[in-house]
């Protein structure tokens, strides 16, 4: 049997799907398993050990996407499509897959061969939805996401804290104020800890604002590329992060992480996993007090 898993979405969404993908690979190890996702994630996770190959769908023109998926299915003789995205778009994909191929489909959307009822956002964690979905394959155990394969030997002996102060272009409302990060940075520096400010060039303004408040904080954009980010977080003393994609990678290192987020249905269903994730939430993230964060830091360090 050849299986194609569909998973688009944000970086965090994809990382959260790795548990389901790992579970499918573990229990159906004799099957060929493929992943369909965006091209940037194909590049980020090219070494993902749970799949035989990663195919691209950048969710542009819907008809180009449909043509591409049908071609992938036919060329790779896909027997089963597992729709972990369960979106309106994949519902359209399902229609064409059902009527133009022999593949079966597991999806919460229309035209599924094996439909299941997905819980609404906020009712349970998204990985529980994935667990419920793959039970239709007769798999009753769910293995949590594991990205330890991203570990590299690039590490430093410095005593440092990782901060993830940015967010996506659409995620401005998910940012804790840069001035607050700066205050926390100064507090931690007074404890003889170095501060590593991570992110991409899109986060440069936030990082520069923090450095204005806390001049000893270090811009580590270049050192926090995706191929080294897991290791960077793994060897940190502490991680402080907004609700953003890299937090899902950081959480799975099991380094103590304080996760700052708005209290809403999305954060209740899509928070980072890991054995050492500590959530601080408020209806508005800006209302999370600096003193509350310092109290949590003192508990963890």
C-alpha atoms as a PDB file:
ATOM      1  CA  UNK A   1       0.000   0.000   0.000  1.00  0.00           C
ATOM      2  CA  UNK A   2       1.162   3.523  -0.805  1.00  0.00           C
ATOM      3  CA  UNK A   3      -0.059   6.312   1.498  1.00  0.00           C
ATOM      4  CA  UNK A   4      -0.092  10.079   0.939  1.00  0.00           C
ATOM      5  CA  UNK A   5      -0.501  12.398   3.945  1.00  0.00           C
ATOM      6  CA  UNK A   6      -1.690  15.951   3.211  1.00  0.00           C
ATOM      7  CA  UNK A   7      -0.629  18.646   5.697  1.00  0.00           C
ATOM      8  CA  UNK A   8      -0.389  22.344   4.947  1.00  0.00           C
ATOM      9  CA  UNK A   9      -0.719  25.217   7.403  1.00  0.00           C
ATOM     10  CA  UNK A  10       1.797  27.021   9.557  1.00  0.00           C
ATOM     11  CA  UNK A  11       5.165  25.739  10.759  1.00  0.00           C
ATOM     12  CA  UNK A  12       3.605  24.852  14.105  1.00  0.00           C
ATOM     13  CA  UNK A  13       0.748  22.987  12.414  1.00  0.00           C
ATOM     14  CA  UNK A  14       3.195  20.837  10.485  1.00  0.00           C
ATOM     15  CA  UNK A  15       5.358  20.066  13.531  1.00  0.00           C
ATOM     16  CA  UNK A  16       2.249  19.046  15.470  1.00  0.00           C
ATOM     17  CA  UNK A  17       1.381  16.603  12.663  1.00  0.00           C
ATOM     18  CA  UNK A  18       4.703  14.770  13.043  1.00  0.00           C
ATOM     19  CA  UNK A  19       3.239  12.646  15.833  1.00  0.00           C
ATOM     20  CA  UNK A  20       0.556  11.253  13.547  1.00  0.00           C
ATOM     21  CA  UNK A  21       3.056  10.783  10.716  1.00  0.00           C
ATOM     22  CA  UNK A  22       5.486   8.998  13.032  1.00  0.00           C
ATOM     23  CA  UNK A  23       2.672   6.787  14.330  1.00  0.00           C
ATOM     24  CA  UNK A  24       1.604   5.804  10.811  1.00  0.00           C
ATOM     25  CA  UNK A  25       5.202   5.019   9.868  1.00  0.00           C
ATOM     26  CA  UNK A  26       5.737   2.945  13.036  1.00  0.00           C
ATOM     27  CA  UNK A  27       2.597   0.841  12.718  1.00  0.00           C
ATOM     28  CA  UNK A  28       2.564   0.592   8.920  1.00  0.00           C
ATOM     29  CA  UNK A  29       6.316   0.346   8.408  1.00  0.00           C
ATOM     30  CA  UNK A  30       5.896  -1.988   5.443  1.00  0.00           C
ATOM     31  CA  UNK A  31       3.946   0.668   3.528  1.00  0.00           C
ATOM     32  CA  UNK A  32       5.328   3.513   1.432  1.00  0.00           C
ATOM     33  CA  UNK A  33       4.519   6.840   3.084  1.00  0.00           C
ATOM     34  CA  UNK A  34       4.618  10.236   1.388  1.00  0.00           C
ATOM     35  CA  UNK A  35       3.910  13.782   2.576  1.00  0.00           C
ATOM     36  CA  UNK A  36       2.319  16.631   0.621  1.00  0.00           C
ATOM     37  CA  UNK A  37       3.118  20.096   2.006  1.00  0.00           C
ATOM     38  CA  UNK A  38       4.489  23.503   1.036  1.00  0.00           C
ATOM     39  CA  UNK A  39       7.868  23.810  -0.672  1.00  0.00           C
ATOM     40  CA  UNK A  40       9.461  25.815   2.165  1.00  0.00           C
ATOM     41  CA  UNK A  41       8.623  23.055   4.631  1.00  0.00           C
ATOM     42  CA  UNK A  42       9.965  20.465   2.214  1.00  0.00           C
ATOM     43  CA  UNK A  43      13.273  22.324   2.390  1.00  0.00           C
ATOM     44  CA  UNK A  44      13.127  22.747   6.197  1.00  0.00           C
ATOM     45  CA  UNK A  45      12.320  19.103   6.882  1.00  0.00           C
ATOM     46  CA  UNK A  46      14.024  17.381   3.981  1.00  0.00           C
ATOM     47  CA  UNK A  47      15.534  14.874   6.437  1.00  0.00           C
ATOM     48  CA  UNK A  48      12.196  13.943   8.029  1.00  0.00           C
ATOM     49  CA  UNK A  49      12.797  10.242   8.723  1.00  0.00           C
ATOM     50  CA  UNK A  50       9.158   9.116   8.764  1.00  0.00           C
ATOM     51  CA  UNK A  51       8.384   9.561   5.070  1.00  0.00           C
ATOM     52  CA  UNK A  52       9.833   8.171   1.872  1.00  0.00           C
ATOM     53  CA  UNK A  53       9.443  11.433  -0.015  1.00  0.00           C
ATOM     54  CA  UNK A  54       7.959  14.925   0.336  1.00  0.00           C
ATOM     55  CA  UNK A  55       5.878  16.454  -2.467  1.00  0.00           C
ATOM     56  CA  UNK A  56       5.045  20.125  -2.911  1.00  0.00           C
ATOM     57  CA  UNK A  57       1.715  21.930  -2.940  1.00  0.00           C
ATOM     58  CA  UNK A  58       2.000  25.665  -2.379  1.00  0.00           C
ATOM     59  CA  UNK A  59      -1.777  26.176  -2.435  1.00  0.00           C
ATOM     60  CA  UNK A  60      -1.740  28.613  -5.329  1.00  0.00           C
ATOM     61  CA  UNK A  61      -4.182  28.241  -8.183  1.00  0.00           C
ATOM     62  CA  UNK A  62      -6.625  25.534  -7.089  1.00  0.00           C
ATOM     63  CA  UNK A  63      -6.685  23.850 -10.503  1.00  0.00           C
ATOM     64  CA  UNK A  64      -2.880  23.666 -10.687  1.00  0.00           C
ATOM     65  CA  UNK A  65      -2.903  22.093  -7.221  1.00  0.00           C
ATOM     66  CA  UNK A  66      -5.543  19.560  -8.225  1.00  0.00           C
ATOM     67  CA  UNK A  67      -3.636  18.644 -11.382  1.00  0.00           C
ATOM     68  CA  UNK A  68      -0.443  18.249  -9.355  1.00  0.00           C
ATOM     69  CA  UNK A  69      -2.059  16.035  -6.734  1.00  0.00           C
ATOM     70  CA  UNK A  70      -3.702  13.787  -9.305  1.00  0.00           C
ATOM     71  CA  UNK A  71      -0.343  13.416 -11.033  1.00  0.00           C
ATOM     72  CA  UNK A  72       1.371  12.520  -7.721  1.00  0.00           C
ATOM     73  CA  UNK A  73      -1.318   9.950  -6.955  1.00  0.00           C
ATOM     74  CA  UNK A  74      -1.067   8.294 -10.347  1.00  0.00           C
ATOM     75  CA  UNK A  75       2.735   8.301 -10.603  1.00  0.00           C
ATOM     76  CA  UNK A  76       3.168   6.875  -7.123  1.00  0.00           C
ATOM     77  CA  UNK A  77       0.168   4.549  -7.249  1.00  0.00           C
ATOM     78  CA  UNK A  78      -1.291   6.019  -4.048  1.00  0.00           C
ATOM     79  CA  UNK A  79      -3.854   3.714  -2.463  1.00  0.00           C
ATOM     80  CA  UNK A  80      -4.808   5.884   0.501  1.00  0.00           C
ATOM     81  CA  UNK A  81      -4.857   9.646   1.101  1.00  0.00           C
ATOM     82  CA  UNK A  82      -4.880  10.801   4.744  1.00  0.00           C
ATOM     83  CA  UNK A  83      -6.073  14.390   4.916  1.00  0.00           C
ATOM     84  CA  UNK A  84      -4.590  15.792   8.144  1.00  0.00           C
ATOM     85  CA  UNK A  85      -5.331  19.337   6.987  1.00  0.00           C
ATOM     86  CA  UNK A  86      -9.121  18.821   6.847  1.00  0.00           C
ATOM     87  CA  UNK A  87      -9.719  22.227   5.257  1.00  0.00           C
ATOM     88  CA  UNK A  88     -12.236  23.527   2.738  1.00  0.00           C
ATOM     89  CA  UNK A  89      -9.472  23.338   0.141  1.00  0.00           C
ATOM     90  CA  UNK A  90      -8.681  19.691   0.826  1.00  0.00           C
ATOM     91  CA  UNK A  91     -12.414  18.995   0.621  1.00  0.00           C
ATOM     92  CA  UNK A  92     -12.177  20.135  -3.011  1.00  0.00           C
ATOM     93  CA  UNK A  93      -9.112  17.936  -3.492  1.00  0.00           C
ATOM     94  CA  UNK A  94     -11.109  15.024  -2.104  1.00  0.00           C
ATOM     95  CA  UNK A  95     -13.796  15.461  -4.784  1.00  0.00           C
ATOM     96  CA  UNK A  96     -11.309  15.121  -7.637  1.00  0.00           C
ATOM     97  CA  UNK A  97      -9.350  12.340  -5.940  1.00  0.00           C
ATOM     98  CA  UNK A  98     -12.542  10.360  -5.386  1.00  0.00           C
ATOM     99  CA  UNK A  99     -13.860  10.663  -8.932  1.00  0.00           C
ATOM    100  CA  UNK A 100     -10.624  10.626 -10.936  1.00  0.00           C
ATOM    101  CA  UNK A 101      -8.499   8.049  -9.071  1.00  0.00           C
ATOM    102  CA  UNK A 102      -8.963   4.772  -7.252  1.00  0.00           C
ATOM    103  CA  UNK A 103      -7.452   6.121  -4.016  1.00  0.00           C
ATOM    104  CA  UNK A 104      -9.416   5.929  -0.790  1.00  0.00           C
ATOM    105  CA  UNK A 105      -9.539   8.996   1.486  1.00  0.00           C
ATOM    106  CA  UNK A 106      -9.585   9.485   5.255  1.00  0.00           C
ATOM    107  CA  UNK A 107     -10.822  12.992   5.940  1.00  0.00           C
ATOM    108  CA  UNK A 108     -13.216  15.061   8.041  1.00  0.00           C
ATOM    109  CA  UNK A 109     -14.274  16.846   4.848  1.00  0.00           C
ATOM    110  CA  UNK A 110     -16.735  15.905   2.120  1.00  0.00           C
ATOM    111  CA  UNK A 111     -16.115  13.034  -0.295  1.00  0.00           C
ATOM    112  CA  UNK A 112     -14.119  11.057   2.255  1.00  0.00           C
ATOM    113  CA  UNK A 113     -14.133   7.283   1.826  1.00  0.00           C
ATOM    114  CA  UNK A 114     -13.733   6.866   5.597  1.00  0.00           C
ATOM    115  CA  UNK A 115     -15.175  10.017   7.188  1.00  0.00           C
ATOM    116  CA  UNK A 116     -14.717  10.933  10.789  1.00  0.00           C
ATOM    117  CA  UNK A 117     -16.114  13.720  12.932  1.00  0.00           C
ATOM    118  CA  UNK A 118     -13.427  16.209  13.906  1.00  0.00           C
ATOM    119  CA  UNK A 119     -13.775  18.084  17.192  1.00  0.00           C
ATOM    120  CA  UNK A 120     -14.213  21.841  16.873  1.00  0.00           C
ATOM    121  CA  UNK A 121     -11.335  24.208  17.535  1.00  0.00           C
ATOM    122  CA  UNK A 122     -10.910  24.717  21.262  1.00  0.00           C
ATOM    123  CA  UNK A 123     -12.506  21.436  22.346  1.00  0.00           C
ATOM    124  CA  UNK A 124      -9.311  19.377  22.382  1.00  0.00           C
ATOM    125  CA  UNK A 125      -5.720  19.567  21.228  1.00  0.00           C
ATOM    126  CA  UNK A 126      -5.228  19.170  17.492  1.00  0.00           C
ATOM    127  CA  UNK A 127      -3.034  16.113  18.029  1.00  0.00           C
ATOM    128  CA  UNK A 128      -6.005  14.379  19.675  1.00  0.00           C
ATOM    129  CA  UNK A 129      -7.914  15.006  16.443  1.00  0.00           C
ATOM    130  CA  UNK A 130      -5.038  13.374  14.563  1.00  0.00           C
ATOM    131  CA  UNK A 131      -5.098  10.456  16.996  1.00  0.00           C
ATOM    132  CA  UNK A 132      -8.835  10.002  16.483  1.00  0.00           C
ATOM    133  CA  UNK A 133      -8.375  10.163  12.713  1.00  0.00           C
ATOM    134  CA  UNK A 134      -5.704   7.491  12.440  1.00  0.00           C
ATOM    135  CA  UNK A 135      -7.766   5.141  14.577  1.00  0.00           C
ATOM    136  CA  UNK A 136      -9.628   4.539  11.318  1.00  0.00           C
ATOM    137  CA  UNK A 137      -6.460   2.713  10.243  1.00  0.00           C
ATOM    138  CA  UNK A 138      -6.811   0.398  13.235  1.00  0.00           C
ATOM    139  CA  UNK A 139      -4.025   2.238  15.096  1.00  0.00           C
ATOM    140  CA  UNK A 140      -5.099   2.852  18.681  1.00  0.00           C
ATOM    141  CA  UNK A 141      -1.804   4.161  20.066  1.00  0.00           C
ATOM    142  CA  UNK A 142      -0.648   7.688  19.256  1.00  0.00           C
ATOM    143  CA  UNK A 143       3.064   8.520  19.393  1.00  0.00           C
ATOM    144  CA  UNK A 144       3.764  12.164  20.256  1.00  0.00           C
ATOM    145  CA  UNK A 145       5.834  14.326  17.888  1.00  0.00           C
ATOM    146  CA  UNK A 146       9.568  13.663  18.008  1.00  0.00           C
ATOM    147  CA  UNK A 147      12.068  15.887  16.209  1.00  0.00           C
ATOM    148  CA  UNK A 148      15.218  14.692  17.966  1.00  0.00           C
ATOM    149  CA  UNK A 149      16.490  13.778  14.490  1.00  0.00           C
ATOM    150  CA  UNK A 150      17.067  17.529  14.011  1.00  0.00           C
ATOM    151  CA  UNK A 151      19.796  17.534  16.663  1.00  0.00           C
ATOM    152  CA  UNK A 152      23.272  18.495  15.474  1.00  0.00           C
ATOM    153  CA  UNK A 153      26.644  18.826  17.186  1.00  0.00           C
ATOM    154  CA  UNK A 154      26.677  22.612  16.777  1.00  0.00           C
ATOM    155  CA  UNK A 155      26.570  23.703  20.395  1.00  0.00           C
ATOM    156  CA  UNK A 156      28.166  26.290  22.625  1.00  0.00           C
ATOM    157  CA  UNK A 157      29.368  26.122  26.211  1.00  0.00           C
ATOM    158  CA  UNK A 158      27.752  29.484  27.016  1.00  0.00           C
ATOM    159  CA  UNK A 159      25.101  29.782  29.701  1.00  0.00           C
ATOM    160  CA  UNK A 160      22.218  31.306  27.776  1.00  0.00           C
ATOM    161  CA  UNK A 161      18.489  31.873  27.437  1.00  0.00           C
ATOM    162  CA  UNK A 162      16.711  31.725  24.076  1.00  0.00           C
ATOM    163  CA  UNK A 163      14.050  34.325  23.358  1.00  0.00           C
ATOM    164  CA  UNK A 164      11.617  33.994  20.432  1.00  0.00           C
ATOM    165  CA  UNK A 165      10.026  37.463  20.335  1.00  0.00           C
ATOM    166  CA  UNK A 166       8.609  37.493  16.802  1.00  0.00           C
ATOM    167  CA  UNK A 167       5.539  36.160  15.052  1.00  0.00           C
ATOM    168  CA  UNK A 168       4.284  35.673  11.516  1.00  0.00           C
ATOM    169  CA  UNK A 169       3.222  38.608   9.352  1.00  0.00           C
ATOM    170  CA  UNK A 170      -0.378  37.996  10.349  1.00  0.00           C
ATOM    171  CA  UNK A 171       0.483  37.406  13.990  1.00  0.00           C
ATOM    172  CA  UNK A 172       1.101  40.913  15.351  1.00  0.00           C
ATOM    173  CA  UNK A 173      -1.605  40.358  17.970  1.00  0.00           C
ATOM    174  CA  UNK A 174       0.406  37.383  19.279  1.00  0.00           C
ATOM    175  CA  UNK A 175       3.449  39.460  20.235  1.00  0.00           C
ATOM    176  CA  UNK A 176       4.344  40.228  23.830  1.00  0.00           C
ATOM    177  CA  UNK A 177       5.739  43.803  23.825  1.00  0.00           C
ATOM    178  CA  UNK A 178       9.429  44.151  22.926  1.00  0.00           C
ATOM    179  CA  UNK A 179       9.907  46.440  25.932  1.00  0.00           C
ATOM    180  CA  UNK A 180       8.784  43.578  28.183  1.00  0.00           C
ATOM    181  CA  UNK A 181      11.259  41.207  26.555  1.00  0.00           C
ATOM    182  CA  UNK A 182      13.910  43.851  27.111  1.00  0.00           C
ATOM    183  CA  UNK A 183      13.060  44.077  30.819  1.00  0.00           C
ATOM    184  CA  UNK A 184      13.211  40.290  31.171  1.00  0.00           C
ATOM    185  CA  UNK A 185      16.493  40.276  29.259  1.00  0.00           C
ATOM    186  CA  UNK A 186      18.035  42.737  31.722  1.00  0.00           C
ATOM    187  CA  UNK A 187      16.765  40.647  34.640  1.00  0.00           C
ATOM    188  CA  UNK A 188      18.355  37.486  33.241  1.00  0.00           C
ATOM    189  CA  UNK A 189      21.604  39.234  32.360  1.00  0.00           C
ATOM    190  CA  UNK A 190      21.813  40.311  36.008  1.00  0.00           C
ATOM    191  CA  UNK A 191      21.769  36.564  36.786  1.00  0.00           C
ATOM    192  CA  UNK A 192      24.874  36.069  34.585  1.00  0.00           C
ATOM    193  CA  UNK A 193      22.928  34.591  31.685  1.00  0.00           C
ATOM    194  CA  UNK A 194      23.443  35.520  28.058  1.00  0.00           C
ATOM    195  CA  UNK A 195      20.383  36.358  25.982  1.00  0.00           C
ATOM    196  CA  UNK A 196      20.029  34.899  22.488  1.00  0.00           C
ATOM    197  CA  UNK A 197      17.386  36.704  20.418  1.00  0.00           C
ATOM    198  CA  UNK A 198      16.237  34.310  17.693  1.00  0.00           C
ATOM    199  CA  UNK A 199      14.016  34.515  14.656  1.00  0.00           C
ATOM    200  CA  UNK A 200      14.264  35.491  11.005  1.00  0.00           C
ATOM    201  CA  UNK A 201      14.940  38.783   9.287  1.00  0.00           C
ATOM    202  CA  UNK A 202      11.197  39.454   9.547  1.00  0.00           C
ATOM    203  CA  UNK A 203      11.738  39.754  13.311  1.00  0.00           C
ATOM    204  CA  UNK A 204      14.639  42.169  13.066  1.00  0.00           C
ATOM    205  CA  UNK A 205      12.634  45.213  14.173  1.00  0.00           C
ATOM    206  CA  UNK A 206      11.466  43.401  17.321  1.00  0.00           C
ATOM    207  CA  UNK A 207      14.993  42.213  18.060  1.00  0.00           C
ATOM    208  CA  UNK A 208      16.443  45.681  17.592  1.00  0.00           C
ATOM    209  CA  UNK A 209      13.807  47.136  19.922  1.00  0.00           C
ATOM    210  CA  UNK A 210      14.807  44.619  22.597  1.00  0.00           C
ATOM    211  CA  UNK A 211      18.479  45.463  22.162  1.00  0.00           C
ATOM    212  CA  UNK A 212      17.680  49.162  22.653  1.00  0.00           C
ATOM    213  CA  UNK A 213      16.255  48.287  26.066  1.00  0.00           C
ATOM    214  CA  UNK A 214      18.834  45.601  26.804  1.00  0.00           C
ATOM    215  CA  UNK A 215      22.069  46.369  24.920  1.00  0.00           C
ATOM    216  CA  UNK A 216      23.823  43.187  26.067  1.00  0.00           C
ATOM    217  CA  UNK A 217      21.221  40.947  24.408  1.00  0.00           C
ATOM    218  CA  UNK A 218      22.589  39.224  21.304  1.00  0.00           C
ATOM    219  CA  UNK A 219      21.054  39.083  17.839  1.00  0.00           C
ATOM    220  CA  UNK A 220      21.206  35.378  16.926  1.00  0.00           C
ATOM    221  CA  UNK A 221      19.191  35.388  13.720  1.00  0.00           C
ATOM    222  CA  UNK A 222      22.021  33.817  11.735  1.00  0.00           C
ATOM    223  CA  UNK A 223      22.599  31.131  14.366  1.00  0.00           C
ATOM    224  CA  UNK A 224      18.906  30.227  14.623  1.00  0.00           C
ATOM    225  CA  UNK A 225      18.387  28.851  11.125  1.00  0.00           C
ATOM    226  CA  UNK A 226      16.045  25.879  11.039  1.00  0.00           C
ATOM    227  CA  UNK A 227      18.865  23.302  10.712  1.00  0.00           C
ATOM    228  CA  UNK A 228      20.446  24.457  13.993  1.00  0.00           C
ATOM    229  CA  UNK A 229      17.463  25.786  15.928  1.00  0.00           C
ATOM    230  CA  UNK A 230      16.600  22.538  17.732  1.00  0.00           C
ATOM    231  CA  UNK A 231      20.160  22.200  19.006  1.00  0.00           C
ATOM    232  CA  UNK A 232      20.327  25.876  20.007  1.00  0.00           C
ATOM    233  CA  UNK A 233      17.195  25.444  22.137  1.00  0.00           C
ATOM    234  CA  UNK A 234      18.249  22.033  23.457  1.00  0.00           C
ATOM    235  CA  UNK A 235      21.297  23.479  25.205  1.00  0.00           C
ATOM    236  CA  UNK A 236      19.631  26.623  26.555  1.00  0.00           C
ATOM    237  CA  UNK A 237      18.869  27.080  30.241  1.00  0.00           C
ATOM    238  CA  UNK A 238      15.445  28.508  29.423  1.00  0.00           C
ATOM    239  CA  UNK A 239      13.293  29.529  26.464  1.00  0.00           C
ATOM    240  CA  UNK A 240      10.834  32.433  26.420  1.00  0.00           C
ATOM    241  CA  UNK A 241       8.536  32.543  23.408  1.00  0.00           C
ATOM    242  CA  UNK A 242       5.484  34.069  21.822  1.00  0.00           C
ATOM    243  CA  UNK A 243       2.829  31.902  20.216  1.00  0.00           C
ATOM    244  CA  UNK A 244       4.738  31.319  16.991  1.00  0.00           C
ATOM    245  CA  UNK A 245       5.898  28.399  14.844  1.00  0.00           C
ATOM    246  CA  UNK A 246       9.448  28.004  16.197  1.00  0.00           C
ATOM    247  CA  UNK A 247       7.996  27.564  19.708  1.00  0.00           C
ATOM    248  CA  UNK A 248       6.726  24.152  18.596  1.00  0.00           C
ATOM    249  CA  UNK A 249      10.266  23.091  17.751  1.00  0.00           C
ATOM    250  CA  UNK A 250      11.611  24.626  20.978  1.00  0.00           C
ATOM    251  CA  UNK A 251       9.004  22.886  23.146  1.00  0.00           C
ATOM    252  CA  UNK A 252       9.987  19.459  21.864  1.00  0.00           C
ATOM    253  CA  UNK A 253      13.559  19.911  23.111  1.00  0.00           C
ATOM    254  CA  UNK A 254      12.140  19.600  26.663  1.00  0.00           C
ATOM    255  CA  UNK A 255      14.226  22.586  27.754  1.00  0.00           C
ATOM    256  CA  UNK A 256      12.081  24.647  30.177  1.00  0.00           C
ATOM    257  CA  UNK A 257       9.990  26.975  28.024  1.00  0.00           C
ATOM    258  CA  UNK A 258       7.633  29.764  29.032  1.00  0.00           C
ATOM    259  CA  UNK A 259       5.030  30.154  26.303  1.00  0.00           C
ATOM    260  CA  UNK A 260       3.193  33.482  26.160  1.00  0.00           C
ATOM    261  CA  UNK A 261      -0.127  33.553  24.314  1.00  0.00           C
ATOM    262  CA  UNK A 262      -3.598  34.971  23.993  1.00  0.00           C
ATOM    263  CA  UNK A 263      -6.203  32.841  25.729  1.00  0.00           C
ATOM    264  CA  UNK A 264      -8.515  31.661  22.935  1.00  0.00           C
ATOM    265  CA  UNK A 265      -9.734  28.571  21.090  1.00  0.00           C
ATOM    266  CA  UNK A 266      -6.668  28.431  18.868  1.00  0.00           C
ATOM    267  CA  UNK A 267      -4.161  28.550  21.729  1.00  0.00           C
ATOM    268  CA  UNK A 268      -6.184  25.944  23.626  1.00  0.00           C
ATOM    269  CA  UNK A 269      -6.028  23.525  20.685  1.00  0.00           C
ATOM    270  CA  UNK A 270      -2.610  24.292  19.199  1.00  0.00           C
ATOM    271  CA  UNK A 271      -0.208  24.956  22.073  1.00  0.00           C
ATOM    272  CA  UNK A 272       3.328  23.534  21.802  1.00  0.00           C
ATOM    273  CA  UNK A 273       3.928  20.042  23.105  1.00  0.00           C
ATOM    274  CA  UNK A 274       6.825  18.953  25.295  1.00  0.00           C
ATOM    275  CA  UNK A 275       7.497  17.793  28.830  1.00  0.00           C
ATOM    276  CA  UNK A 276       8.639  21.200  30.041  1.00  0.00           C
ATOM    277  CA  UNK A 277       6.288  23.737  28.427  1.00  0.00           C
ATOM    278  CA  UNK A 278       4.816  26.276  30.859  1.00  0.00           C
ATOM    279  CA  UNK A 279       1.900  28.327  29.539  1.00  0.00           C
ATOM    280  CA  UNK A 280       1.158  31.902  30.568  1.00  0.00           C
ATOM    281  CA  UNK A 281      -1.932  33.245  28.842  1.00  0.00           C
ATOM    282  CA  UNK A 282      -4.292  36.191  29.007  1.00  0.00           C
ATOM    283  CA  UNK A 283      -7.238  37.375  26.952  1.00  0.00           C
ATOM    284  CA  UNK A 284      -4.741  39.891  25.548  1.00  0.00           C
ATOM    285  CA  UNK A 285      -1.101  38.793  25.593  1.00  0.00           C
ATOM    286  CA  UNK A 286      -0.046  42.364  26.377  1.00  0.00           C
ATOM    287  CA  UNK A 287      -1.729  41.997  29.772  1.00  0.00           C
ATOM    288  CA  UNK A 288       0.694  39.281  30.903  1.00  0.00           C
ATOM    289  CA  UNK A 289       2.716  41.100  33.560  1.00  0.00           C
ATOM    290  CA  UNK A 290       6.506  41.204  33.629  1.00  0.00           C
ATOM    291  CA  UNK A 291       6.397  40.214  37.315  1.00  0.00           C
ATOM    292  CA  UNK A 292       4.345  37.121  36.445  1.00  0.00           C
ATOM    293  CA  UNK A 293       6.984  36.038  33.949  1.00  0.00           C
ATOM    294  CA  UNK A 294       9.813  36.706  36.418  1.00  0.00           C
ATOM    295  CA  UNK A 295       8.013  34.629  39.033  1.00  0.00           C
ATOM    296  CA  UNK A 296       7.795  31.713  36.612  1.00  0.00           C
ATOM    297  CA  UNK A 297      11.468  32.144  35.659  1.00  0.00           C
ATOM    298  CA  UNK A 298      12.477  31.958  39.318  1.00  0.00           C
ATOM    299  CA  UNK A 299      10.502  28.731  39.665  1.00  0.00           C
ATOM    300  CA  UNK A 300      12.257  27.167  36.695  1.00  0.00           C
ATOM    301  CA  UNK A 301      15.872  28.304  37.140  1.00  0.00           C
END
